[in-house]
C-alpha cells in the first residue's frame, strides 16, 4: 500500500513538474515575442496577456525583469542549439540544414541585440560564454556535415561572427534585411569554385 501511494504521489509530482515546465516554456516564448515587438521594457502585463497567464505567474517564475530577460536569452540559445541536429536530420541536404539554421540564428541575433543592450552587468559575460559554448559546436557540426557542398575553410566562429556583424542594427532599420544578407553569405559558400588559371 505504501509503495502504491508513493508511486501515485510521484506520478502527480512529475505531472505537476511537467505542467510547470510547459507553462514556463509558453511564458518564455511569449516574452521573446513581446521583446522583439516592443523591446525589453515592454510592460509585464503585455507578456502575461501574450502567454495567457496572470502577472503573478510571471513574478512567481521571474521575480525581476532581469531574471526574465536572462531566462529568455537562455531559452532562445537552447532553441537555436537544439535546432541544428534536428535540421540535419530533416533537411534535404547538409547545406540546406546550414542555411535554415543560419535563418534561425539571424532571428535569434536580432532579438539578442535588444536583450544585450540591457545586460551591461556582470551577468552578461557568463551569458556570452554560454552562448558560444552552446552554439559554436552546433555550427561546427553543420559546417562539417556540409563540407562536401561548400568550399573554403571558414570556421564556425568566423561564420557566426560574420553573421553577427550583418545583424548589427537590423532591429532598428526596416529597410535592412539581415536574413537576406546572411543567406547571400551562405549561398556564396556553395557557389562553384572559380576555375584554376
N, C-alpha and C. Protein backbone atom coordinates (compact mmCIF):
# COMPACT_ATOMS: atom_id res chain seq x y z
N UNK A 1 0.82 -1.19 0.00
CA UNK A 1 0.00 0.00 0.00
C UNK A 1 0.86 1.25 0.00
N UNK A 2 1.87 1.26 0.84
CA UNK A 2 2.72 2.45 0.93
C UNK A 2 3.41 2.71 -0.40
N UNK A 3 3.91 1.64 -1.04
CA UNK A 3 4.58 1.81 -2.32
C UNK A 3 3.63 2.36 -3.38
N UNK A 4 2.42 1.84 -3.39
CA UNK A 4 1.45 2.29 -4.37
C UNK A 4 1.15 3.77 -4.17
N UNK A 5 0.93 4.16 -2.92
CA UNK A 5 0.64 5.58 -2.64
C UNK A 5 1.84 6.43 -3.03
N UNK A 6 3.05 5.95 -2.75
CA UNK A 6 4.25 6.70 -3.09
C UNK A 6 4.38 6.85 -4.60
N UNK A 7 4.12 5.75 -5.32
CA UNK A 7 4.22 5.81 -6.77
C UNK A 7 3.20 6.79 -7.34
N UNK A 8 1.97 6.77 -6.81
CA UNK A 8 0.96 7.72 -7.28
C UNK A 8 1.39 9.15 -6.99
N UNK A 9 1.95 9.34 -5.79
CA UNK A 9 2.43 10.68 -5.43
C UNK A 9 3.52 11.15 -6.36
N UNK A 10 4.42 10.23 -6.73
CA UNK A 10 5.49 10.59 -7.65
C UNK A 10 4.93 10.93 -9.02
N UNK A 11 3.89 10.20 -9.46
CA UNK A 11 3.26 10.49 -10.75
C UNK A 11 2.64 11.87 -10.74
N UNK A 12 1.94 12.19 -9.66
CA UNK A 12 1.33 13.52 -9.54
C UNK A 12 2.40 14.60 -9.52
N UNK A 13 3.49 14.36 -8.75
CA UNK A 13 4.57 15.33 -8.67
C UNK A 13 5.21 15.54 -10.05
N UNK A 14 5.48 14.42 -10.77
CA UNK A 14 6.06 14.53 -12.10
C UNK A 14 5.13 15.29 -13.04
N UNK A 15 3.83 15.00 -12.95
CA UNK A 15 2.85 15.67 -13.81
C UNK A 15 2.82 17.17 -13.53
N UNK A 16 2.87 17.54 -12.24
CA UNK A 16 2.89 18.97 -11.89
C UNK A 16 4.15 19.63 -12.41
N UNK A 17 5.28 18.92 -12.28
CA UNK A 17 6.54 19.48 -12.77
C UNK A 17 6.49 19.68 -14.28
N UNK A 18 5.95 18.69 -15.00
CA UNK A 18 5.85 18.79 -16.46
C UNK A 18 4.94 19.95 -16.85
N UNK A 19 3.82 20.10 -16.14
CA UNK A 19 2.91 21.23 -16.42
C UNK A 19 3.60 22.56 -16.15
N UNK A 20 4.31 22.64 -15.04
CA UNK A 20 5.01 23.89 -14.69
C UNK A 20 6.07 24.21 -15.74
N UNK A 21 6.76 23.18 -16.22
CA UNK A 21 7.80 23.40 -17.24
C UNK A 21 7.17 23.87 -18.55
N UNK A 22 6.05 23.25 -18.95
CA UNK A 22 5.36 23.69 -20.16
C UNK A 22 4.89 25.13 -20.03
N UNK A 23 4.34 25.46 -18.85
CA UNK A 23 3.88 26.84 -18.61
C UNK A 23 5.03 27.82 -18.71
N UNK A 24 6.17 27.44 -18.16
CA UNK A 24 7.33 28.32 -18.21
C UNK A 24 7.82 28.48 -19.65
N UNK A 25 7.82 27.41 -20.44
CA UNK A 25 8.23 27.50 -21.84
C UNK A 25 7.29 28.41 -22.62
N UNK A 26 5.98 28.28 -22.37
CA UNK A 26 4.99 29.14 -23.03
C UNK A 26 5.23 30.60 -22.66
N UNK A 27 5.51 30.82 -21.39
CA UNK A 27 5.77 32.17 -20.91
C UNK A 27 7.03 32.76 -21.57
N UNK A 28 8.08 31.95 -21.68
CA UNK A 28 9.33 32.43 -22.29
C UNK A 28 9.14 32.71 -23.78
N UNK A 29 8.38 31.86 -24.47
CA UNK A 29 8.10 32.10 -25.89
C UNK A 29 7.34 33.42 -26.06
N UNK A 30 6.34 33.62 -25.20
CA UNK A 30 5.54 34.85 -25.27
C UNK A 30 6.40 36.07 -24.96
N UNK A 31 7.25 35.97 -23.94
CA UNK A 31 8.12 37.09 -23.58
C UNK A 31 9.07 37.43 -24.72
N UNK A 32 9.61 36.40 -25.38
CA UNK A 32 10.53 36.65 -26.50
C UNK A 32 9.80 37.40 -27.62
N UNK A 33 8.58 36.98 -27.93
CA UNK A 33 7.81 37.66 -28.98
C UNK A 33 7.53 39.11 -28.62
N UNK A 34 7.15 39.34 -27.37
CA UNK A 34 6.87 40.71 -26.92
C UNK A 34 8.14 41.54 -26.95
N UNK A 35 9.27 40.98 -26.53
CA UNK A 35 10.53 41.71 -26.54
C UNK A 35 10.92 42.10 -27.97
N UNK A 36 10.71 41.18 -28.92
CA UNK A 36 11.04 41.50 -30.31
C UNK A 36 10.15 42.64 -30.81
N UNK A 37 8.87 42.56 -30.48
CA UNK A 37 7.91 43.54 -30.98
C UNK A 37 8.02 44.89 -30.27
N UNK A 38 8.19 44.87 -28.94
CA UNK A 38 8.08 46.11 -28.16
C UNK A 38 9.31 46.47 -27.35
N UNK A 39 10.35 45.64 -27.41
CA UNK A 39 11.55 45.91 -26.62
C UNK A 39 11.46 45.28 -25.24
N UNK A 40 12.61 45.22 -24.57
CA UNK A 40 12.69 44.54 -23.28
C UNK A 40 12.05 45.34 -22.15
N UNK A 41 11.67 46.59 -22.42
CA UNK A 41 10.98 47.38 -21.40
C UNK A 41 9.47 47.26 -21.52
N UNK A 42 8.99 46.33 -22.35
CA UNK A 42 7.54 46.15 -22.52
C UNK A 42 6.90 45.84 -21.16
N UNK A 43 5.68 46.33 -20.95
CA UNK A 43 5.00 46.06 -19.68
C UNK A 43 4.80 44.56 -19.44
N UNK A 44 4.95 44.16 -18.20
CA UNK A 44 4.77 42.76 -17.83
C UNK A 44 3.35 42.30 -18.17
N UNK A 45 2.38 43.20 -18.10
CA UNK A 45 1.00 42.80 -18.41
C UNK A 45 0.88 42.37 -19.88
N UNK A 46 1.69 42.97 -20.77
CA UNK A 46 1.66 42.55 -22.18
C UNK A 46 2.17 41.12 -22.33
N UNK A 47 3.22 40.80 -21.58
CA UNK A 47 3.78 39.45 -21.62
C UNK A 47 2.78 38.45 -21.04
N UNK A 48 2.15 38.83 -19.92
CA UNK A 48 1.15 37.96 -19.29
C UNK A 48 -0.01 37.70 -20.25
N UNK A 49 -0.46 38.75 -20.93
CA UNK A 49 -1.58 38.59 -21.88
C UNK A 49 -1.18 37.67 -23.03
N UNK A 50 0.03 37.86 -23.56
CA UNK A 50 0.50 37.03 -24.68
C UNK A 50 0.64 35.57 -24.26
N UNK A 51 1.02 35.34 -23.00
CA UNK A 51 1.21 33.96 -22.51
C UNK A 51 -0.09 33.35 -21.99
N UNK A 52 -1.11 34.19 -21.80
CA UNK A 52 -2.38 33.69 -21.26
C UNK A 52 -2.30 33.33 -19.80
N UNK A 53 -1.48 34.08 -19.05
CA UNK A 53 -1.34 33.84 -17.61
C UNK A 53 -1.51 35.16 -16.86
N UNK A 54 -1.66 35.05 -15.55
CA UNK A 54 -1.72 36.24 -14.72
C UNK A 54 -0.33 36.80 -14.45
N UNK A 55 -0.28 38.08 -14.09
CA UNK A 55 1.03 38.70 -13.79
C UNK A 55 1.72 38.01 -12.62
N UNK A 56 0.93 37.52 -11.68
CA UNK A 56 1.50 36.81 -10.54
C UNK A 56 2.30 35.59 -10.95
N UNK A 57 1.84 34.91 -12.00
CA UNK A 57 2.57 33.74 -12.50
C UNK A 57 3.95 34.14 -13.01
N UNK A 58 4.01 35.26 -13.71
CA UNK A 58 5.31 35.72 -14.21
C UNK A 58 6.24 36.04 -13.04
N UNK A 59 5.74 36.78 -12.07
CA UNK A 59 6.59 37.16 -10.93
C UNK A 59 6.97 35.95 -10.08
N UNK A 60 6.13 34.93 -10.07
CA UNK A 60 6.47 33.73 -9.31
C UNK A 60 7.66 33.03 -9.97
N UNK A 61 7.68 32.98 -11.29
CA UNK A 61 8.79 32.35 -12.01
C UNK A 61 10.01 33.27 -12.10
N UNK A 62 9.76 34.55 -12.31
CA UNK A 62 10.84 35.52 -12.56
C UNK A 62 10.59 36.77 -11.71
N UNK A 63 11.16 36.79 -10.51
CA UNK A 63 10.89 37.90 -9.58
C UNK A 63 11.28 39.29 -10.12
N UNK A 64 12.30 39.36 -10.98
CA UNK A 64 12.73 40.65 -11.52
C UNK A 64 12.72 40.61 -13.04
N UNK A 65 12.71 41.77 -13.65
CA UNK A 65 12.77 41.85 -15.12
C UNK A 65 14.09 41.25 -15.62
N UNK A 66 15.18 41.49 -14.90
CA UNK A 66 16.47 40.92 -15.30
C UNK A 66 16.41 39.40 -15.32
N UNK A 67 15.73 38.79 -14.34
CA UNK A 67 15.58 37.33 -14.32
C UNK A 67 14.86 36.86 -15.58
N UNK A 68 13.82 37.59 -15.98
CA UNK A 68 13.04 37.21 -17.16
C UNK A 68 13.88 37.38 -18.43
N UNK A 69 14.61 38.47 -18.53
CA UNK A 69 15.43 38.73 -19.71
C UNK A 69 16.50 37.65 -19.87
N UNK A 70 17.16 37.31 -18.78
CA UNK A 70 18.20 36.28 -18.81
C UNK A 70 17.60 34.93 -19.19
N UNK A 71 16.42 34.62 -18.64
CA UNK A 71 15.77 33.35 -18.96
C UNK A 71 15.37 33.29 -20.43
N UNK A 72 14.87 34.40 -20.99
CA UNK A 72 14.52 34.44 -22.41
C UNK A 72 15.76 34.22 -23.27
N UNK A 73 16.84 34.88 -22.91
CA UNK A 73 18.11 34.73 -23.64
C UNK A 73 18.54 33.27 -23.66
N UNK A 74 18.55 32.63 -22.49
CA UNK A 74 18.96 31.23 -22.39
C UNK A 74 18.01 30.32 -23.16
N UNK A 75 16.73 30.61 -23.07
CA UNK A 75 15.71 29.83 -23.77
C UNK A 75 15.94 29.89 -25.28
N UNK A 76 16.27 31.06 -25.79
CA UNK A 76 16.50 31.21 -27.22
C UNK A 76 17.80 30.53 -27.66
N UNK A 77 18.82 30.60 -26.82
CA UNK A 77 20.07 29.89 -27.13
C UNK A 77 19.80 28.40 -27.23
N UNK A 78 19.05 27.87 -26.27
CA UNK A 78 18.75 26.43 -26.27
C UNK A 78 17.94 26.03 -27.51
N UNK A 79 16.97 26.84 -27.89
CA UNK A 79 16.15 26.53 -29.07
C UNK A 79 17.03 26.50 -30.32
N UNK A 80 17.95 27.44 -30.42
CA UNK A 80 18.84 27.51 -31.57
C UNK A 80 19.80 26.31 -31.57
N UNK A 81 20.30 25.95 -30.40
CA UNK A 81 21.22 24.81 -30.30
C UNK A 81 20.51 23.50 -30.67
N UNK A 82 19.30 23.32 -30.19
CA UNK A 82 18.56 22.08 -30.45
C UNK A 82 18.12 21.98 -31.91
N UNK A 83 17.98 23.11 -32.58
CA UNK A 83 17.53 23.10 -33.97
C UNK A 83 18.57 22.52 -34.91
N UNK A 84 19.85 22.67 -34.61
CA UNK A 84 20.91 22.20 -35.51
C UNK A 84 20.81 20.72 -35.85
N UNK A 85 20.86 19.84 -34.85
CA UNK A 85 20.75 18.41 -35.14
C UNK A 85 19.41 18.04 -35.78
N UNK A 86 18.33 18.69 -35.36
CA UNK A 86 17.01 18.40 -35.94
C UNK A 86 17.00 18.75 -37.43
N UNK A 87 17.60 19.88 -37.79
CA UNK A 87 17.63 20.28 -39.20
C UNK A 87 18.51 19.34 -40.02
N UNK A 88 19.63 18.90 -39.45
CA UNK A 88 20.48 17.94 -40.16
C UNK A 88 19.74 16.65 -40.46
N UNK A 89 18.87 16.26 -39.54
CA UNK A 89 18.13 15.01 -39.72
C UNK A 89 16.98 15.16 -40.73
N UNK A 90 16.46 16.39 -40.89
CA UNK A 90 15.25 16.55 -41.71
C UNK A 90 15.44 17.31 -43.03
N UNK A 91 16.50 18.09 -43.15
CA UNK A 91 16.67 18.93 -44.34
C UNK A 91 17.08 18.10 -45.56
N UNK A 92 16.86 18.66 -46.73
CA UNK A 92 17.17 17.96 -47.99
C UNK A 92 18.66 17.67 -48.14
N UNK A 93 19.51 18.52 -47.56
CA UNK A 93 20.96 18.33 -47.64
C UNK A 93 21.60 19.03 -46.45
N UNK A 94 22.85 18.70 -46.14
CA UNK A 94 23.53 19.41 -45.06
C UNK A 94 23.62 20.92 -45.31
N UNK A 95 23.84 21.32 -46.58
CA UNK A 95 23.90 22.76 -46.88
C UNK A 95 22.54 23.41 -46.63
N UNK A 96 21.45 22.72 -46.96
CA UNK A 96 20.11 23.24 -46.68
C UNK A 96 19.90 23.36 -45.18
N UNK A 97 20.39 22.39 -44.42
CA UNK A 97 20.29 22.46 -42.95
C UNK A 97 21.06 23.67 -42.42
N UNK A 98 22.27 23.87 -42.94
CA UNK A 98 23.07 25.03 -42.54
C UNK A 98 22.33 26.33 -42.86
N UNK A 99 21.77 26.40 -44.05
CA UNK A 99 21.04 27.60 -44.47
C UNK A 99 19.85 27.88 -43.56
N UNK A 100 19.09 26.84 -43.24
CA UNK A 100 17.92 27.02 -42.37
C UNK A 100 18.35 27.40 -40.96
N UNK A 101 19.46 26.82 -40.50
CA UNK A 101 19.93 27.15 -39.15
C UNK A 101 20.40 28.60 -39.09
N UNK A 102 21.05 29.06 -40.15
CA UNK A 102 21.50 30.46 -40.18
C UNK A 102 20.30 31.40 -40.11
N UNK A 103 19.18 31.04 -40.78
CA UNK A 103 17.95 31.84 -40.66
C UNK A 103 17.52 31.95 -39.19
N UNK A 104 17.52 30.82 -38.48
CA UNK A 104 17.13 30.83 -37.06
C UNK A 104 18.14 31.64 -36.24
N UNK A 105 19.41 31.49 -36.57
CA UNK A 105 20.45 32.21 -35.86
C UNK A 105 20.29 33.73 -36.04
N UNK A 106 19.96 34.15 -37.26
CA UNK A 106 19.72 35.58 -37.51
C UNK A 106 18.54 36.06 -36.68
N UNK A 107 17.45 35.30 -36.68
CA UNK A 107 16.29 35.69 -35.86
C UNK A 107 16.70 35.84 -34.41
N UNK A 108 17.48 34.90 -33.91
CA UNK A 108 17.96 34.98 -32.53
C UNK A 108 18.83 36.21 -32.31
N UNK A 109 19.76 36.46 -33.23
CA UNK A 109 20.69 37.58 -33.06
C UNK A 109 19.98 38.92 -33.06
N UNK A 110 18.99 39.08 -33.93
CA UNK A 110 18.27 40.36 -33.97
C UNK A 110 17.60 40.59 -32.63
N UNK A 111 17.03 39.52 -32.06
CA UNK A 111 16.42 39.63 -30.73
C UNK A 111 17.50 39.84 -29.67
N UNK A 112 18.60 39.11 -29.80
CA UNK A 112 19.67 39.18 -28.80
C UNK A 112 20.25 40.57 -28.66
N UNK A 113 20.38 41.27 -29.80
CA UNK A 113 20.93 42.62 -29.70
C UNK A 113 20.07 43.48 -28.78
N UNK A 114 18.76 43.31 -28.85
CA UNK A 114 17.87 44.05 -27.96
C UNK A 114 18.07 43.64 -26.52
N UNK A 115 18.24 42.34 -26.29
CA UNK A 115 18.44 41.86 -24.93
C UNK A 115 19.80 42.30 -24.40
N UNK A 116 20.80 42.21 -25.24
CA UNK A 116 22.16 42.53 -24.80
C UNK A 116 22.26 43.98 -24.35
N UNK A 117 21.46 44.85 -24.94
CA UNK A 117 21.51 46.26 -24.59
C UNK A 117 21.22 46.53 -23.12
N UNK A 118 20.45 45.65 -22.49
CA UNK A 118 20.14 45.87 -21.07
C UNK A 118 20.95 44.97 -20.16
N UNK A 119 21.84 44.18 -20.72
CA UNK A 119 22.61 43.26 -19.91
C UNK A 119 24.04 43.75 -19.70
N UNK A 120 24.19 45.02 -19.39
CA UNK A 120 25.51 45.60 -19.12
C UNK A 120 25.86 45.41 -17.65
N UNK A 121 25.78 44.17 -17.21
CA UNK A 121 26.10 43.85 -15.82
C UNK A 121 27.07 42.69 -15.84
N UNK A 122 27.48 42.28 -14.66
CA UNK A 122 28.38 41.13 -14.57
C UNK A 122 27.70 39.85 -15.07
N UNK A 123 26.37 39.88 -15.22
CA UNK A 123 25.64 38.71 -15.72
C UNK A 123 25.88 38.47 -17.21
N UNK A 124 26.24 39.52 -17.94
CA UNK A 124 26.29 39.36 -19.40
C UNK A 124 27.45 38.49 -19.86
N UNK A 125 28.63 38.64 -19.27
CA UNK A 125 29.79 37.85 -19.73
C UNK A 125 29.55 36.35 -19.60
N UNK A 126 29.02 35.88 -18.47
CA UNK A 126 28.71 34.44 -18.42
C UNK A 126 27.68 34.03 -19.48
N UNK A 127 26.73 34.90 -19.80
CA UNK A 127 25.74 34.58 -20.83
C UNK A 127 26.40 34.51 -22.20
N UNK A 128 27.33 35.40 -22.48
CA UNK A 128 28.02 35.38 -23.76
C UNK A 128 28.85 34.10 -23.89
N UNK A 129 29.50 33.70 -22.81
CA UNK A 129 30.27 32.46 -22.79
C UNK A 129 29.35 31.27 -23.02
N UNK A 130 28.20 31.29 -22.36
CA UNK A 130 27.20 30.24 -22.52
C UNK A 130 26.73 30.17 -23.98
N UNK A 131 26.49 31.32 -24.59
CA UNK A 131 26.08 31.44 -25.98
C UNK A 131 27.12 30.74 -26.89
N UNK A 132 28.39 31.07 -26.72
CA UNK A 132 29.44 30.48 -27.54
C UNK A 132 29.59 28.98 -27.27
N UNK A 133 29.57 28.59 -26.00
CA UNK A 133 29.72 27.18 -25.65
C UNK A 133 28.62 26.31 -26.24
N UNK A 134 27.39 26.84 -26.31
CA UNK A 134 26.27 26.06 -26.83
C UNK A 134 26.18 26.08 -28.35
N UNK A 135 26.47 27.24 -28.97
CA UNK A 135 26.20 27.37 -30.40
C UNK A 135 27.39 27.09 -31.32
N UNK A 136 28.62 27.33 -30.86
CA UNK A 136 29.77 27.03 -31.71
C UNK A 136 29.84 25.55 -32.11
N UNK A 137 29.63 24.62 -31.18
CA UNK A 137 29.67 23.21 -31.60
C UNK A 137 28.56 22.86 -32.61
N UNK A 138 27.40 23.48 -32.47
CA UNK A 138 26.29 23.21 -33.39
C UNK A 138 26.66 23.71 -34.79
N UNK A 139 27.17 24.92 -34.87
CA UNK A 139 27.57 25.48 -36.16
C UNK A 139 28.72 24.66 -36.75
N UNK A 140 29.66 24.23 -35.93
CA UNK A 140 30.77 23.38 -36.40
C UNK A 140 30.25 22.08 -36.99
N UNK A 141 29.28 21.47 -36.32
CA UNK A 141 28.69 20.22 -36.81
C UNK A 141 28.01 20.43 -38.17
N UNK A 142 27.28 21.54 -38.30
CA UNK A 142 26.61 21.83 -39.57
C UNK A 142 27.63 22.08 -40.69
N UNK A 143 28.68 22.83 -40.40
CA UNK A 143 29.72 23.09 -41.40
C UNK A 143 30.42 21.80 -41.81
N UNK A 144 30.72 20.95 -40.84
CA UNK A 144 31.40 19.69 -41.14
C UNK A 144 30.51 18.80 -42.00
N UNK A 145 29.22 18.76 -41.68
CA UNK A 145 28.30 17.93 -42.47
C UNK A 145 28.17 18.43 -43.90
N UNK A 146 28.29 19.75 -44.08
CA UNK A 146 28.14 20.35 -45.41
C UNK A 146 29.47 20.50 -46.14
N UNK A 147 30.54 19.93 -45.61
CA UNK A 147 31.88 20.14 -46.16
C UNK A 147 31.99 19.79 -47.64
N UNK A 148 31.26 18.77 -48.08
CA UNK A 148 31.33 18.38 -49.49
C UNK A 148 30.55 19.32 -50.40
N UNK A 149 29.70 20.17 -49.81
CA UNK A 149 28.85 21.06 -50.60
C UNK A 149 29.34 22.50 -50.61
N UNK A 150 30.32 22.82 -49.77
CA UNK A 150 30.81 24.19 -49.68
C UNK A 150 32.31 24.21 -49.91
N UNK A 151 32.82 25.39 -50.17
CA UNK A 151 34.26 25.50 -50.35
C UNK A 151 34.81 26.51 -49.37
N UNK A 152 36.11 26.53 -49.28
CA UNK A 152 36.76 27.42 -48.32
C UNK A 152 36.95 26.71 -47.00
N UNK A 153 37.71 27.35 -46.14
CA UNK A 153 37.99 26.76 -44.83
C UNK A 153 37.45 27.64 -43.71
N UNK A 154 36.24 28.14 -43.93
CA UNK A 154 35.59 29.00 -42.96
C UNK A 154 35.34 28.23 -41.66
N UNK A 155 35.67 28.82 -40.53
CA UNK A 155 35.40 28.17 -39.24
C UNK A 155 34.02 28.59 -38.75
N UNK A 156 33.51 27.81 -37.80
CA UNK A 156 32.21 28.13 -37.22
C UNK A 156 32.25 29.51 -36.56
N UNK A 157 33.35 29.81 -35.87
CA UNK A 157 33.45 31.12 -35.22
C UNK A 157 33.40 32.24 -36.25
N UNK A 158 34.13 32.08 -37.35
CA UNK A 158 34.13 33.12 -38.39
C UNK A 158 32.73 33.31 -38.98
N UNK A 159 32.05 32.21 -39.24
CA UNK A 159 30.71 32.30 -39.82
C UNK A 159 29.75 32.97 -38.84
N UNK A 160 29.77 32.54 -37.59
CA UNK A 160 28.87 33.14 -36.60
C UNK A 160 29.19 34.61 -36.37
N UNK A 161 30.47 34.93 -36.34
CA UNK A 161 30.88 36.33 -36.14
C UNK A 161 30.46 37.17 -37.35
N UNK A 162 30.65 36.65 -38.56
CA UNK A 162 30.26 37.37 -39.77
C UNK A 162 28.76 37.61 -39.82
N UNK A 163 27.99 36.57 -39.51
CA UNK A 163 26.53 36.73 -39.50
C UNK A 163 26.13 37.72 -38.41
N UNK A 164 26.79 37.62 -37.27
CA UNK A 164 26.51 38.58 -36.18
C UNK A 164 26.74 40.01 -36.61
N UNK A 165 27.82 40.26 -37.33
CA UNK A 165 28.10 41.61 -37.81
C UNK A 165 27.05 42.07 -38.81
N UNK A 166 26.54 41.16 -39.63
CA UNK A 166 25.49 41.52 -40.58
C UNK A 166 24.19 41.90 -39.87
N UNK A 167 24.02 41.41 -38.64
CA UNK A 167 22.78 41.66 -37.90
C UNK A 167 22.80 42.95 -37.08
N UNK A 168 23.95 43.55 -36.91
CA UNK A 168 24.05 44.75 -36.08
C UNK A 168 23.13 45.85 -36.63
N UNK A 169 22.26 46.35 -35.77
CA UNK A 169 21.37 47.44 -36.14
C UNK A 169 20.13 47.02 -36.90
N UNK A 170 20.00 45.73 -37.24
CA UNK A 170 18.87 45.27 -38.05
C UNK A 170 17.53 45.49 -37.36
N UNK A 171 17.52 45.43 -36.02
CA UNK A 171 16.26 45.58 -35.30
C UNK A 171 15.71 47.00 -35.36
N UNK A 172 16.56 47.97 -35.74
CA UNK A 172 16.15 49.37 -35.76
C UNK A 172 15.97 49.93 -37.17
N UNK A 173 16.12 49.11 -38.19
CA UNK A 173 16.08 49.62 -39.56
C UNK A 173 15.20 48.73 -40.43
N UNK A 174 14.00 49.19 -40.72
CA UNK A 174 13.05 48.41 -41.53
C UNK A 174 13.52 48.21 -42.97
N UNK A 175 14.45 49.05 -43.43
CA UNK A 175 14.93 48.93 -44.81
C UNK A 175 16.04 47.90 -44.96
N UNK A 176 16.52 47.36 -43.84
CA UNK A 176 17.65 46.44 -43.87
C UNK A 176 17.20 45.05 -43.47
N UNK A 177 17.45 44.07 -44.32
CA UNK A 177 17.05 42.68 -44.07
C UNK A 177 18.30 41.84 -43.81
N UNK A 178 18.63 41.65 -42.55
CA UNK A 178 19.83 40.90 -42.19
C UNK A 178 19.75 39.45 -42.66
N UNK A 179 18.55 38.88 -42.65
CA UNK A 179 18.40 37.49 -43.08
C UNK A 179 18.80 37.35 -44.55
N UNK A 180 18.39 38.30 -45.37
CA UNK A 180 18.73 38.25 -46.80
C UNK A 180 20.24 38.29 -47.01
N UNK A 181 20.92 39.17 -46.29
CA UNK A 181 22.37 39.26 -46.41
C UNK A 181 23.06 37.99 -45.92
N UNK A 182 22.57 37.43 -44.81
CA UNK A 182 23.15 36.20 -44.29
C UNK A 182 22.95 35.06 -45.27
N UNK A 183 21.79 35.02 -45.92
CA UNK A 183 21.55 33.97 -46.90
C UNK A 183 22.46 34.11 -48.12
N UNK A 184 22.74 35.35 -48.52
CA UNK A 184 23.70 35.55 -49.62
C UNK A 184 25.07 35.00 -49.23
N UNK A 185 25.45 35.20 -47.98
CA UNK A 185 26.72 34.67 -47.49
C UNK A 185 26.73 33.14 -47.56
N UNK A 186 25.67 32.51 -47.07
CA UNK A 186 25.61 31.04 -47.05
C UNK A 186 25.54 30.49 -48.47
N UNK A 187 24.78 31.16 -49.35
CA UNK A 187 24.70 30.74 -50.75
C UNK A 187 26.08 30.82 -51.40
N UNK A 188 26.83 31.88 -51.07
CA UNK A 188 28.17 32.05 -51.61
C UNK A 188 29.11 30.93 -51.21
N UNK A 189 28.88 30.33 -50.05
CA UNK A 189 29.73 29.21 -49.62
C UNK A 189 29.59 28.01 -50.55
N UNK A 190 28.42 27.89 -51.16
CA UNK A 190 28.18 26.74 -52.03
C UNK A 190 28.34 27.10 -53.51
N UNK A 191 28.75 28.32 -53.80
CA UNK A 191 28.93 28.72 -55.20
C UNK A 191 30.03 27.90 -55.83
N UNK A 192 29.94 27.69 -57.15
CA UNK A 192 31.01 26.91 -57.82
C UNK A 192 32.37 27.56 -57.62
N UNK A 193 33.37 26.73 -57.44
CA UNK A 193 34.72 27.25 -57.27
C UNK A 193 35.20 27.86 -58.58
N UNK A 194 35.93 28.97 -58.49
CA UNK A 194 36.47 29.54 -59.74
C UNK A 194 37.46 28.58 -60.41
N UNK A 195 37.47 28.57 -61.70
CA UNK A 195 38.38 27.68 -62.44
C UNK A 195 39.82 28.08 -62.19
N UNK A 196 40.69 27.11 -62.13
CA UNK A 196 42.12 27.40 -61.93
C UNK A 196 42.68 28.04 -63.20
N UNK A 197 43.59 29.02 -63.03
CA UNK A 197 44.17 29.68 -64.22
C UNK A 197 45.06 28.74 -65.00
